[in-house]
Amino acid sequence: MLKIRLKRIGKKHQPSFRIVVQERRSKLKGKFIDDLGSYSPISKKITINAEKVKKWLGFGAQPSDTVHNLLIKNKIITGTKINLVKKPKNKKSPVENSPASAAPSQPEAAQAA
């Protein structure tokens, strides 16, 4: 299965990425089939070859979540963006988890009897 994803090429603390088509199981820094463009998050510069992207999407390549959002931002594909921020799991408040609140108190049990 083919994926359209980002391949990091920048220096340390200076990220820069290429948008490439790769086999899904290949290493991120490994061989790629085609170079579709570049993305620099520091300067917010995005260059994408729209014709190549549409060609690979037609062949069945699946974009990663970040690339999907970049393609929508540049109006190459239509749809809704994918939320990349993980939602925190709901944690119960300490009052709900305390053992005193789990068991009924003595006066309540005496009133019921």
PDB file of N, CA and C in Angstrom:
ATOM      1  N   MET A   1       0.839  -1.173   0.000  1.00  0.00           N
ATOM      2  CA  MET A   1       0.000   0.000   0.000  1.00  0.00           C
ATOM      3  C   MET A   1       0.885   1.237   0.000  1.00  0.00           C
ATOM      4  N   LEU A   2       0.540   2.204  -0.798  1.00  0.00           N
ATOM      5  CA  LEU A   2       1.329   3.422  -0.918  1.00  0.00           C
ATOM      6  C   LEU A   2       0.799   4.503   0.013  1.00  0.00           C
ATOM      7  N   LYS A   3       1.720   5.281   0.574  1.00  0.00           N
ATOM      8  CA  LYS A   3       1.373   6.392   1.451  1.00  0.00           C
ATOM      9  C   LYS A   3       2.048   7.658   0.934  1.00  0.00           C
ATOM     10  N   ILE A   4       1.343   8.758   1.042  1.00  0.00           N
ATOM     11  CA  ILE A   4       1.924  10.072   0.783  1.00  0.00           C
ATOM     12  C   ILE A   4       2.214  10.657   2.154  1.00  0.00           C
ATOM     13  N   ARG A   5       3.487  10.864   2.452  1.00  0.00           N
ATOM     14  CA  ARG A   5       3.839  11.332   3.791  1.00  0.00           C
ATOM     15  C   ARG A   5       5.042  12.255   3.770  1.00  0.00           C
ATOM     16  N   LEU A   6       5.376  12.789   4.936  1.00  0.00           N
ATOM     17  CA  LEU A   6       6.481  13.725   5.076  1.00  0.00           C
ATOM     18  C   LEU A   6       7.778  12.984   5.390  1.00  0.00           C
ATOM     19  N   LYS A   7       8.846  13.406   4.740  1.00  0.00           N
ATOM     20  CA  LYS A   7      10.176  12.863   5.001  1.00  0.00           C
ATOM     21  C   LYS A   7      11.042  14.021   5.466  1.00  0.00           C
ATOM     22  N   ARG A   8      11.571  13.929   6.669  1.00  0.00           N
ATOM     23  CA  ARG A   8      12.349  15.035   7.237  1.00  0.00           C
ATOM     24  C   ARG A   8      13.716  15.113   6.578  1.00  0.00           C
ATOM     25  N   ILE A   9      14.078  16.333   6.158  1.00  0.00           N
ATOM     26  CA  ILE A   9      15.382  16.544   5.542  1.00  0.00           C
ATOM     27  C   ILE A   9      16.147  17.684   6.201  1.00  0.00           C
ATOM     28  N   GLY A  10      15.562  18.341   7.180  1.00  0.00           N
ATOM     29  CA  GLY A  10      16.168  19.524   7.782  1.00  0.00           C
ATOM     30  C   GLY A  10      17.234  19.208   8.812  1.00  0.00           C
ATOM     31  N   LYS A  11      17.957  20.249   9.191  1.00  0.00           N
ATOM     32  CA  LYS A  11      18.966  20.130  10.243  1.00  0.00           C
ATOM     33  C   LYS A  11      18.303  20.033  11.605  1.00  0.00           C
ATOM     34  N   LYS A  12      19.116  19.829  12.609  1.00  0.00           N
ATOM     35  CA  LYS A  12      18.629  19.802  13.982  1.00  0.00           C
ATOM     36  C   LYS A  12      18.060  21.178  14.335  1.00  0.00           C
ATOM     37  N   HIS A  13      16.860  21.205  14.892  1.00  0.00           N
ATOM     38  CA  HIS A  13      16.144  22.419  15.278  1.00  0.00           C
ATOM     39  C   HIS A  13      15.757  23.290  14.090  1.00  0.00           C
ATOM     40  N   GLN A  14      15.903  22.796  12.859  1.00  0.00           N
ATOM     41  CA  GLN A  14      15.470  23.508  11.661  1.00  0.00           C
ATOM     42  C   GLN A  14      14.712  22.536  10.763  1.00  0.00           C
ATOM     43  N   PRO A  15      13.509  22.143  11.154  1.00  0.00           N
ATOM     44  CA  PRO A  15      12.805  21.114  10.396  1.00  0.00           C
ATOM     45  C   PRO A  15      12.412  21.589   9.001  1.00  0.00           C
ATOM     46  N   SER A  16      12.549  20.686   8.062  1.00  0.00           N
ATOM     47  CA  SER A  16      12.118  20.889   6.697  1.00  0.00           C
ATOM     48  C   SER A  16      11.735  19.507   6.177  1.00  0.00           C
ATOM     49  N   PHE A  17      10.690  19.435   5.386  1.00  0.00           N
ATOM     50  CA  PHE A  17      10.176  18.142   4.976  1.00  0.00           C
ATOM     51  C   PHE A  17       9.976  18.075   3.473  1.00  0.00           C
ATOM     52  N   ARG A  18      10.101  16.873   2.925  1.00  0.00           N
ATOM     53  CA  ARG A  18       9.693  16.587   1.555  1.00  0.00           C
ATOM     54  C   ARG A  18       8.398  15.809   1.622  1.00  0.00           C
ATOM     55  N   ILE A  19       7.506  16.070   0.699  1.00  0.00           N
ATOM     56  CA  ILE A  19       6.276  15.300   0.593  1.00  0.00           C
ATOM     57  C   ILE A  19       6.550  14.226  -0.451  1.00  0.00           C
ATOM     58  N   VAL A  20       6.548  12.963  -0.020  1.00  0.00           N
ATOM     59  CA  VAL A  20       6.953  11.866  -0.891  1.00  0.00           C
ATOM     60  C   VAL A  20       5.906  10.758  -0.900  1.00  0.00           C
ATOM     61  N   VAL A  21       5.994   9.912  -1.928  1.00  0.00           N
ATOM     62  CA  VAL A  21       5.184   8.706  -2.015  1.00  0.00           C
ATOM     63  C   VAL A  21       6.104   7.544  -1.672  1.00  0.00           C
ATOM     64  N   GLN A  22       5.712   6.734  -0.672  1.00  0.00           N
ATOM     65  CA  GLN A  22       6.513   5.605  -0.222  1.00  0.00           C
ATOM     66  C   GLN A  22       5.610   4.402  -0.009  1.00  0.00           C
ATOM     67  N   GLU A  23       6.248   3.232  -0.010  1.00  0.00           N
ATOM     68  CA  GLU A  23       5.545   2.033   0.434  1.00  0.00           C
ATOM     69  C   GLU A  23       5.272   2.206   1.920  1.00  0.00           C
ATOM     70  N   ARG A  24       4.119   1.781   2.379  1.00  0.00           N
ATOM     71  CA  ARG A  24       3.702   2.006   3.772  1.00  0.00           C
ATOM     72  C   ARG A  24       4.686   1.427   4.774  1.00  0.00           C
ATOM     73  N   ARG A  25       5.284   0.298   4.473  1.00  0.00           N
ATOM     74  CA  ARG A  25       6.157  -0.375   5.435  1.00  0.00           C
ATOM     75  C   ARG A  25       7.614   0.062   5.341  1.00  0.00           C
ATOM     76  N   SER A  26       7.958   0.952   4.420  1.00  0.00           N
ATOM     77  CA  SER A  26       9.351   1.372   4.300  1.00  0.00           C
ATOM     78  C   SER A  26       9.699   2.380   5.389  1.00  0.00           C
ATOM     79  N   LYS A  27      10.987   2.513   5.653  1.00  0.00           N
ATOM     80  CA  LYS A  27      11.454   3.447   6.674  1.00  0.00           C
ATOM     81  C   LYS A  27      11.190   4.881   6.233  1.00  0.00           C
ATOM     82  N   LEU A  28      10.990   5.760   7.203  1.00  0.00           N
ATOM     83  CA  LEU A  28      10.707   7.160   6.881  1.00  0.00           C
ATOM     84  C   LEU A  28      11.848   7.816   6.119  1.00  0.00           C
ATOM     85  N   LYS A  29      13.079   7.462   6.455  1.00  0.00           N
ATOM     86  CA  LYS A  29      14.221   8.041   5.757  1.00  0.00           C
ATOM     87  C   LYS A  29      14.722   7.126   4.641  1.00  0.00           C
ATOM     88  N   GLY A  30      13.934   6.113   4.315  1.00  0.00           N
ATOM     89  CA  GLY A  30      14.326   5.160   3.285  1.00  0.00           C
ATOM     90  C   GLY A  30      13.985   5.642   1.885  1.00  0.00           C
ATOM     91  N   LYS A  31      13.973   4.675   0.947  1.00  0.00           N
ATOM     92  CA  LYS A  31      13.695   4.994  -0.446  1.00  0.00           C
ATOM     93  C   LYS A  31      12.254   5.478  -0.619  1.00  0.00           C
ATOM     94  N   PHE A  32      12.081   6.364  -1.574  1.00  0.00           N
ATOM     95  CA  PHE A  32      10.736   6.809  -1.902  1.00  0.00           C
ATOM     96  C   PHE A  32      10.529   6.674  -3.406  1.00  0.00           C
ATOM     97  N   ILE A  33       9.280   6.622  -3.809  1.00  0.00           N
ATOM     98  CA  ILE A  33       8.948   6.405  -5.211  1.00  0.00           C
ATOM     99  C   ILE A  33       8.937   7.713  -5.987  1.00  0.00           C
ATOM    100  N   ASP A  34       8.324   8.748  -5.413  1.00  0.00           N
ATOM    101  CA  ASP A  34       8.205  10.017  -6.118  1.00  0.00           C
ATOM    102  C   ASP A  34       8.218  11.172  -5.130  1.00  0.00           C
ATOM    103  N   ASP A  35       8.803  12.281  -5.534  1.00  0.00           N
ATOM    104  CA  ASP A  35       8.853  13.504  -4.729  1.00  0.00           C
ATOM    105  C   ASP A  35       7.739  14.431  -5.217  1.00  0.00           C
ATOM    106  N   LEU A  36       6.832  14.814  -4.321  1.00  0.00           N
ATOM    107  CA  LEU A  36       5.674  15.614  -4.711  1.00  0.00           C
ATOM    108  C   LEU A  36       5.788  17.081  -4.329  1.00  0.00           C
ATOM    109  N   GLY A  37       6.707  17.426  -3.446  1.00  0.00           N
ATOM    110  CA  GLY A  37       6.843  18.816  -3.038  1.00  0.00           C
ATOM    111  C   GLY A  37       7.619  18.931  -1.748  1.00  0.00           C
ATOM    112  N   SER A  38       7.509  20.097  -1.103  1.00  0.00           N
ATOM    113  CA  SER A  38       8.226  20.328   0.142  1.00  0.00           C
ATOM    114  C   SER A  38       7.371  21.173   1.082  1.00  0.00           C
ATOM    115  N   TYR A  39       7.752  21.135   2.357  1.00  0.00           N
ATOM    116  CA  TYR A  39       7.040  21.874   3.400  1.00  0.00           C
ATOM    117  C   TYR A  39       8.041  22.336   4.435  1.00  0.00           C
ATOM    118  N   SER A  40       8.023  23.629   4.726  1.00  0.00           N
ATOM    119  CA  SER A  40       8.884  24.205   5.752  1.00  0.00           C
ATOM    120  C   SER A  40       7.997  24.814   6.830  1.00  0.00           C
ATOM    121  N   PRO A  41       7.878  24.161   8.009  1.00  0.00           N
ATOM    122  CA  PRO A  41       6.994  24.685   9.046  1.00  0.00           C
ATOM    123  C   PRO A  41       7.475  25.997   9.667  1.00  0.00           C
ATOM    124  N   ILE A  42       8.760  26.288   9.592  1.00  0.00           N
ATOM    125  CA  ILE A  42       9.275  27.527  10.178  1.00  0.00           C
ATOM    126  C   ILE A  42       8.852  28.737   9.336  1.00  0.00           C
ATOM    127  N   SER A  43       9.065  28.649   8.030  1.00  0.00           N
ATOM    128  CA  SER A  43       8.698  29.753   7.148  1.00  0.00           C
ATOM    129  C   SER A  43       7.282  29.615   6.596  1.00  0.00           C
ATOM    130  N   LYS A  44       6.592  28.515   6.940  1.00  0.00           N
ATOM    131  CA  LYS A  44       5.217  28.232   6.486  1.00  0.00           C
ATOM    132  C   LYS A  44       5.124  28.156   4.958  1.00  0.00           C
ATOM    133  N   LYS A  45       6.226  27.755   4.301  1.00  0.00           N
ATOM    134  CA  LYS A  45       6.257  27.673   2.845  1.00  0.00           C
ATOM    135  C   LYS A  45       5.909  26.246   2.413  1.00  0.00           C
ATOM    136  N   ILE A  46       4.920  26.138   1.524  1.00  0.00           N
ATOM    137  CA  ILE A  46       4.482  24.838   1.037  1.00  0.00           C
ATOM    138  C   ILE A  46       4.519  24.874  -0.485  1.00  0.00           C
ATOM    139  N   THR A  47       5.234  23.923  -1.089  1.00  0.00           N
ATOM    140  CA  THR A  47       5.213  23.782  -2.536  1.00  0.00           C
ATOM    141  C   THR A  47       4.795  22.349  -2.849  1.00  0.00           C
ATOM    142  N   ILE A  48       3.697  22.219  -3.599  1.00  0.00           N
ATOM    143  CA  ILE A  48       3.168  20.902  -3.920  1.00  0.00           C
ATOM    144  C   ILE A  48       2.830  20.862  -5.402  1.00  0.00           C
ATOM    145  N   ASN A  49       3.227  19.771  -6.075  1.00  0.00           N
ATOM    146  CA  ASN A  49       2.870  19.549  -7.463  1.00  0.00           C
ATOM    147  C   ASN A  49       1.498  18.876  -7.479  1.00  0.00           C
ATOM    148  N   ALA A  50       0.454  19.656  -7.750  1.00  0.00           N
ATOM    149  CA  ALA A  50      -0.925  19.175  -7.647  1.00  0.00           C
ATOM    150  C   ALA A  50      -1.220  18.051  -8.640  1.00  0.00           C
ATOM    151  N   GLU A  51      -0.650  18.131  -9.844  1.00  0.00           N
ATOM    152  CA  GLU A  51      -0.903  17.092 -10.848  1.00  0.00           C
ATOM    153  C   GLU A  51      -0.381  15.740 -10.383  1.00  0.00           C
ATOM    154  N   LYS A  52       0.828  15.729  -9.823  1.00  0.00           N
ATOM    155  CA  LYS A  52       1.408  14.468  -9.333  1.00  0.00           C
ATOM    156  C   LYS A  52       0.604  13.911  -8.162  1.00  0.00           C
ATOM    157  N   VAL A  53       0.149  14.804  -7.279  1.00  0.00           N
ATOM    158  CA  VAL A  53      -0.628  14.353  -6.119  1.00  0.00           C
ATOM    159  C   VAL A  53      -1.922  13.689  -6.580  1.00  0.00           C
ATOM    160  N   LYS A  54      -2.615  14.322  -7.513  1.00  0.00           N
ATOM    161  CA  LYS A  54      -3.859  13.741  -8.014  1.00  0.00           C
ATOM    162  C   LYS A  54      -3.617  12.424  -8.728  1.00  0.00           C
ATOM    163  N   LYS A  55      -2.491  12.326  -9.428  1.00  0.00           N
ATOM    164  CA  LYS A  55      -2.145  11.079 -10.118  1.00  0.00           C
ATOM    165  C   LYS A  55      -1.961   9.948  -9.112  1.00  0.00           C
ATOM    166  N   TRP A  56      -1.202  10.212  -8.029  1.00  0.00           N
ATOM    167  CA  TRP A  56      -0.940   9.168  -7.033  1.00  0.00           C
ATOM    168  C   TRP A  56      -2.180   8.836  -6.222  1.00  0.00           C
ATOM    169  N   LEU A  57      -3.021   9.824  -5.955  1.00  0.00           N
ATOM    170  CA  LEU A  57      -4.281   9.538  -5.269  1.00  0.00           C
ATOM    171  C   LEU A  57      -5.176   8.663  -6.151  1.00  0.00           C
ATOM    172  N   GLY A  58      -5.097   8.875  -7.468  1.00  0.00           N
ATOM    173  CA  GLY A  58      -5.841   8.046  -8.401  1.00  0.00           C
ATOM    174  C   GLY A  58      -5.335   6.608  -8.426  1.00  0.00           C
ATOM    175  N   PHE A  59      -4.036   6.425  -8.170  1.00  0.00           N
ATOM    176  CA  PHE A  59      -3.458   5.080  -8.107  1.00  0.00           C
ATOM    177  C   PHE A  59      -3.773   4.384  -6.789  1.00  0.00           C
ATOM    178  N   GLY A  60      -4.331   5.121  -5.808  1.00  0.00           N
ATOM    179  CA  GLY A  60      -4.713   4.514  -4.544  1.00  0.00           C
ATOM    180  C   GLY A  60      -3.810   4.850  -3.376  1.00  0.00           C
ATOM    181  N   ALA A  61      -2.901   5.804  -3.530  1.00  0.00           N
ATOM    182  CA  ALA A  61      -2.036   6.205  -2.416  1.00  0.00           C
ATOM    183  C   ALA A  61      -2.866   6.938  -1.372  1.00  0.00           C
ATOM    184  N   GLN A  62      -2.620   6.646  -0.097  1.00  0.00           N
ATOM    185  CA  GLN A  62      -3.342   7.261   1.003  1.00  0.00           C
ATOM    186  C   GLN A  62      -2.453   8.312   1.676  1.00  0.00           C
ATOM    187  N   PRO A  63      -2.930   9.565   1.817  1.00  0.00           N
ATOM    188  CA  PRO A  63      -2.111  10.569   2.499  1.00  0.00           C
ATOM    189  C   PRO A  63      -2.127  10.365   4.015  1.00  0.00           C
ATOM    190  N   SER A  64      -1.020  10.723   4.671  1.00  0.00           N
ATOM    191  CA  SER A  64      -0.999  10.710   6.129  1.00  0.00           C
ATOM    192  C   SER A  64      -1.900  11.845   6.612  1.00  0.00           C
ATOM    193  N   ASP A  65      -2.180  11.883   7.910  1.00  0.00           N
ATOM    194  CA  ASP A  65      -3.091  12.896   8.450  1.00  0.00           C
ATOM    195  C   ASP A  65      -2.572  14.315   8.207  1.00  0.00           C
ATOM    196  N   THR A  66      -1.276  14.529   8.437  1.00  0.00           N
ATOM    197  CA  THR A  66      -0.697  15.859   8.253  1.00  0.00           C
ATOM    198  C   THR A  66      -0.712  16.256   6.785  1.00  0.00           C
ATOM    199  N   VAL A  67      -0.352  15.343   5.904  1.00  0.00           N
ATOM    200  CA  VAL A  67      -0.351  15.644   4.471  1.00  0.00           C
ATOM    201  C   VAL A  67      -1.778  15.884   3.994  1.00  0.00           C
ATOM    202  N   HIS A  68      -2.720  15.127   4.521  1.00  0.00           N
ATOM    203  CA  HIS A  68      -4.134  15.329   4.175  1.00  0.00           C
ATOM    204  C   HIS A  68      -4.557  16.756   4.498  1.00  0.00           C
ATOM    205  N   ASN A  69      -4.181  17.244   5.683  1.00  0.00           N
ATOM    206  CA  ASN A  69      -4.522  18.615   6.090  1.00  0.00           C
ATOM    207  C   ASN A  69      -3.821  19.649   5.207  1.00  0.00           C
ATOM    208  N   LEU A  70      -2.566  19.376   4.804  1.00  0.00           N
ATOM    209  CA  LEU A  70      -1.854  20.297   3.913  1.00  0.00           C
ATOM    210  C   LEU A  70      -2.510  20.350   2.538  1.00  0.00           C
ATOM    211  N   LEU A  71      -2.962  19.210   2.033  1.00  0.00           N
ATOM    212  CA  LEU A  71      -3.615  19.172   0.726  1.00  0.00           C
ATOM    213  C   LEU A  71      -4.947  19.930   0.754  1.00  0.00           C
ATOM    214  N   ILE A  72      -5.678  19.820   1.851  1.00  0.00           N
ATOM    215  CA  ILE A  72      -6.929  20.562   1.981  1.00  0.00           C
ATOM    216  C   ILE A  72      -6.642  22.062   2.087  1.00  0.00           C
ATOM    217  N   LYS A  73      -5.602  22.426   2.826  1.00  0.00           N
ATOM    218  CA  LYS A  73      -5.242  23.836   2.989  1.00  0.00           C
ATOM    219  C   LYS A  73      -4.893  24.473   1.646  1.00  0.00           C
ATOM    220  N   ASN A  74      -4.223  23.715   0.765  1.00  0.00           N
ATOM    221  CA  ASN A  74      -3.838  24.234  -0.549  1.00  0.00           C
ATOM    222  C   ASN A  74      -4.902  23.990  -1.617  1.00  0.00           C
ATOM    223  N   LYS A  75      -6.071  23.486  -1.200  1.00  0.00           N
ATOM    224  CA  LYS A  75      -7.224  23.261  -2.078  1.00  0.00           C
ATOM    225  C   LYS A  75      -6.922  22.300  -3.222  1.00  0.00           C
ATOM    226  N   ILE A  76      -6.083  21.298  -2.954  1.00  0.00           N
ATOM    227  CA  ILE A  76      -5.807  20.251  -3.937  1.00  0.00           C
ATOM    228  C   ILE A  76      -6.883  19.172  -3.838  1.00  0.00           C
ATOM    229  N   ILE A  77      -7.316  18.874  -2.617  1.00  0.00           N
ATOM    230  CA  ILE A  77      -8.438  17.963  -2.408  1.00  0.00           C
ATOM    231  C   ILE A  77      -9.477  18.678  -1.549  1.00  0.00           C
ATOM    232  N   THR A  78     -10.695  18.142  -1.544  1.00  0.00           N
ATOM    233  CA  THR A  78     -11.744  18.731  -0.720  1.00  0.00           C
ATOM    234  C   THR A  78     -12.070  17.779   0.416  1.00  0.00           C
ATOM    235  N   GLY A  79     -12.632  18.313   1.463  1.00  0.00           N
ATOM    236  CA  GLY A  79     -12.999  17.510   2.625  1.00  0.00           C
ATOM    237  C   GLY A  79     -12.775  18.307   3.890  1.00  0.00           C
ATOM    238  N   THR A  80     -12.855  17.601   5.013  1.00  0.00           N
ATOM    239  CA  THR A  80     -12.621  18.251   6.294  1.00  0.00           C
ATOM    240  C   THR A  80     -11.251  17.861   6.819  1.00  0.00           C
ATOM    241  N   LYS A  81     -10.661  18.766   7.566  1.00  0.00           N
ATOM    242  CA  LYS A  81      -9.351  18.483   8.150  1.00  0.00           C
ATOM    243  C   LYS A  81      -9.482  17.455   9.265  1.00  0.00           C
ATOM    244  N   ILE A  82      -8.396  16.728   9.497  1.00  0.00           N
ATOM    245  CA  ILE A  82      -8.354  15.715  10.543  1.00  0.00           C
ATOM    246  C   ILE A  82      -7.747  16.355  11.786  1.00  0.00           C
ATOM    247  N   ASN A  83      -8.391  16.182  12.933  1.00  0.00           N
ATOM    248  CA  ASN A  83      -7.881  16.727  14.184  1.00  0.00           C
ATOM    249  C   ASN A  83      -6.671  15.903  14.618  1.00  0.00           C
ATOM    250  N   LEU A  84      -5.510  16.535  14.717  1.00  0.00           N
ATOM    251  CA  LEU A  84      -4.278  15.840  15.058  1.00  0.00           C
ATOM    252  C   LEU A  84      -3.970  15.865  16.544  1.00  0.00           C
ATOM    253  N   VAL A  85      -4.686  16.675  17.327  1.00  0.00           N
ATOM    254  CA  VAL A  85      -4.442  16.797  18.759  1.00  0.00           C
ATOM    255  C   VAL A  85      -5.210  15.693  19.471  1.00  0.00           C
ATOM    256  N   LYS A  86      -4.522  14.931  20.288  1.00  0.00           N
ATOM    257  CA  LYS A  86      -5.163  13.862  21.043  1.00  0.00           C
ATOM    258  C   LYS A  86      -5.939  14.453  22.210  1.00  0.00           C
ATOM    259  N   LYS A  87      -7.158  13.991  22.391  1.00  0.00           N
ATOM    260  CA  LYS A  87      -7.969  14.458  23.502  1.00  0.00           C
ATOM    261  C   LYS A  87      -7.563  13.703  24.765  1.00  0.00           C
ATOM    262  N   PRO A  88      -7.431  14.397  25.892  1.00  0.00           N
ATOM    263  CA  PRO A  88      -7.088  13.698  27.134  1.00  0.00           C
ATOM    264  C   PRO A  88      -8.251  12.816  27.582  1.00  0.00           C
ATOM    265  N   LYS A  89      -7.905  11.697  28.186  1.00  0.00           N
ATOM    266  CA  LYS A  89      -8.945  10.800  28.693  1.00  0.00           C
ATOM    267  C   LYS A  89      -9.609  11.433  29.909  1.00  0.00           C
ATOM    268  N   ASN A  90     -10.885  11.166  30.072  1.00  0.00           N
ATOM    269  CA  ASN A  90     -11.614  11.728  31.204  1.00  0.00           C
ATOM    270  C   ASN A  90     -11.114  11.104  32.495  1.00  0.00           C
ATOM    271  N   LYS A  91     -10.681  11.942  33.397  1.00  0.00           N
ATOM    272  CA  LYS A  91     -10.235  11.474  34.704  1.00  0.00           C
ATOM    273  C   LYS A  91     -11.278  11.865  35.728  1.00  0.00           C
ATOM    274  N   LYS A  92     -11.588  10.937  36.593  1.00  0.00           N
ATOM    275  CA  LYS A  92     -12.546  11.240  37.653  1.00  0.00           C
ATOM    276  C   LYS A  92     -11.883  12.118  38.688  1.00  0.00           C
ATOM    277  N   SER A  93     -12.679  12.944  39.331  1.00  0.00           N
ATOM    278  CA  SER A  93     -12.134  13.825  40.349  1.00  0.00           C
ATOM    279  C   SER A  93     -11.736  12.998  41.572  1.00  0.00           C
ATOM    280  N   PRO A  94     -10.802  13.473  42.397  1.00  0.00           N
ATOM    281  CA  PRO A  94     -10.354  12.706  43.568  1.00  0.00           C
ATOM    282  C   PRO A  94     -11.487  12.411  44.537  1.00  0.00           C
ATOM    283  N   VAL A  95     -12.507  13.228  44.592  1.00  0.00           N
ATOM    284  CA  VAL A  95     -13.620  12.997  45.512  1.00  0.00           C
ATOM    285  C   VAL A  95     -14.382  11.743  45.104  1.00  0.00           C
ATOM    286  N   GLU A  96     -14.556  11.536  43.809  1.00  0.00           N
ATOM    287  CA  GLU A  96     -15.283  10.369  43.321  1.00  0.00           C
ATOM    288  C   GLU A  96     -14.501   9.075  43.532  1.00  0.00           C
ATOM    289  N   ASN A  97     -13.184   9.152  43.541  1.00  0.00           N
ATOM    290  CA  ASN A  97     -12.350   7.963  43.678  1.00  0.00           C
ATOM    291  C   ASN A  97     -12.051   7.588  45.126  1.00  0.00           C
ATOM    292  N   SER A  98     -12.384   8.443  46.072  1.00  0.00           N
ATOM    293  CA  SER A  98     -12.031   8.153  47.466  1.00  0.00           C
ATOM    294  C   SER A  98     -12.891   7.003  48.002  1.00  0.00           C
ATOM    295  N   PRO A  99     -12.327   6.137  48.872  1.00  0.00           N
ATOM    296  CA  PRO A  99     -13.084   4.997  49.389  1.00  0.00           C
ATOM    297  C   PRO A  99     -14.251   5.413  50.282  1.00  0.00           C
ATOM    298  N   ALA A 100     -14.183   6.581  50.893  1.00  0.00           N
ATOM    299  CA  ALA A 100     -15.261   7.026  51.777  1.00  0.00           C
ATOM    300  C   ALA A 100     -16.537   7.296  50.977  1.00  0.00           C
ATOM    301  N   SER A 101     -16.384   7.808  49.777  1.00  0.00           N
ATOM    302  CA  SER A 101     -17.579   8.111  48.986  1.00  0.00           C
ATOM    303  C   SER A 101     -18.123   6.865  48.300  1.00  0.00           C
ATOM    304  N   ALA A 102     -17.314   5.815  48.195  1.00  0.00           N
ATOM    305  CA  ALA A 102     -17.765   4.593  47.528  1.00  0.00           C
ATOM    306  C   ALA A 102     -18.726   3.812  48.418  1.00  0.00           C
ATOM    307  N   ALA A 103     -18.474   3.760  49.730  1.00  0.00           N
ATOM    308  CA  ALA A 103     -19.346   3.021  50.648  1.00  0.00           C
ATOM    309  C   ALA A 103     -20.299   3.999  51.334  1.00  0.00           C
ATOM    310  N   PRO A 104     -21.537   3.584  51.587  1.00  0.00           N
ATOM    311  CA  PRO A 104     -22.465   4.488  52.279  1.00  0.00           C
ATOM    312  C   PRO A 104     -21.992   4.730  53.707  1.00  0.00           C
ATOM    313  N   SER A 105     -22.246   5.915  54.182  1.00  0.00           N
ATOM    314  CA  SER A 105     -21.808   6.259  55.540  1.00  0.00           C
ATOM    315  C   SER A 105     -22.713   5.585  56.578  1.00  0.00           C
ATOM    316  N   GLN A 106     -22.271   5.542  57.817  1.00  0.00           N
ATOM    317  CA  GLN A 106     -22.976   4.851  58.900  1.00  0.00           C
ATOM    318  C   GLN A 106     -24.371   5.417  59.159  1.00  0.00           C
ATOM    319  N   PRO A 107     -24.522   6.745  59.236  1.00  0.00           N
ATOM    320  CA  PRO A 107     -25.862   7.267  59.545  1.00  0.00           C
ATOM    321  C   PRO A 107     -26.894   6.935  58.465  1.00  0.00           C
ATOM    322  N   GLU A 108     -26.493   6.938  57.206  1.00  0.00           N
ATOM    323  CA  GLU A 108     -27.426   6.626  56.129  1.00  0.00           C
ATOM    324  C   GLU A 108     -27.879   5.182  56.218  1.00  0.00           C
ATOM    325  N   ALA A 109     -26.952   4.267  56.576  1.00  0.00           N
ATOM    326  CA  ALA A 109     -27.312   2.866  56.688  1.00  0.00           C
ATOM    327  C   ALA A 109     -28.251   2.647  57.885  1.00  0.00           C
ATOM    328  N   ALA A 110     -28.055   3.434  58.952  1.00  0.00           N
ATOM    329  CA  ALA A 110     -28.910   3.293  60.140  1.00  0.00           C
ATOM    330  C   ALA A 110     -30.298   3.814  59.843  1.00  0.00           C
ATOM    331  N   GLN A 111     -30.427   4.850  59.063  1.00  0.00           N
ATOM    332  CA  GLN A 111     -31.734   5.409  58.726  1.00  0.00           C
ATOM    333  C   GLN A 111     -32.532   4.449  57.849  1.00  0.00           C
ATOM    334  N   ALA A 112     -31.844   3.706  56.952  1.00  0.00           N
ATOM    335  CA  ALA A 112     -32.530   2.791  56.059  1.00  0.00           C
ATOM    336  C   ALA A 112     -33.099   1.596  56.813  1.00  0.00           C
ATOM    337  N   ALA A 113     -32.498   1.214  57.954  1.00  0.00           N
ATOM    338  CA  ALA A 113     -32.938   0.033  58.704  1.00  0.00           C
ATOM    339  C   ALA A 113     -34.034   0.316  59.656  1.00  0.00           C
TER     340      ALA A 113
END
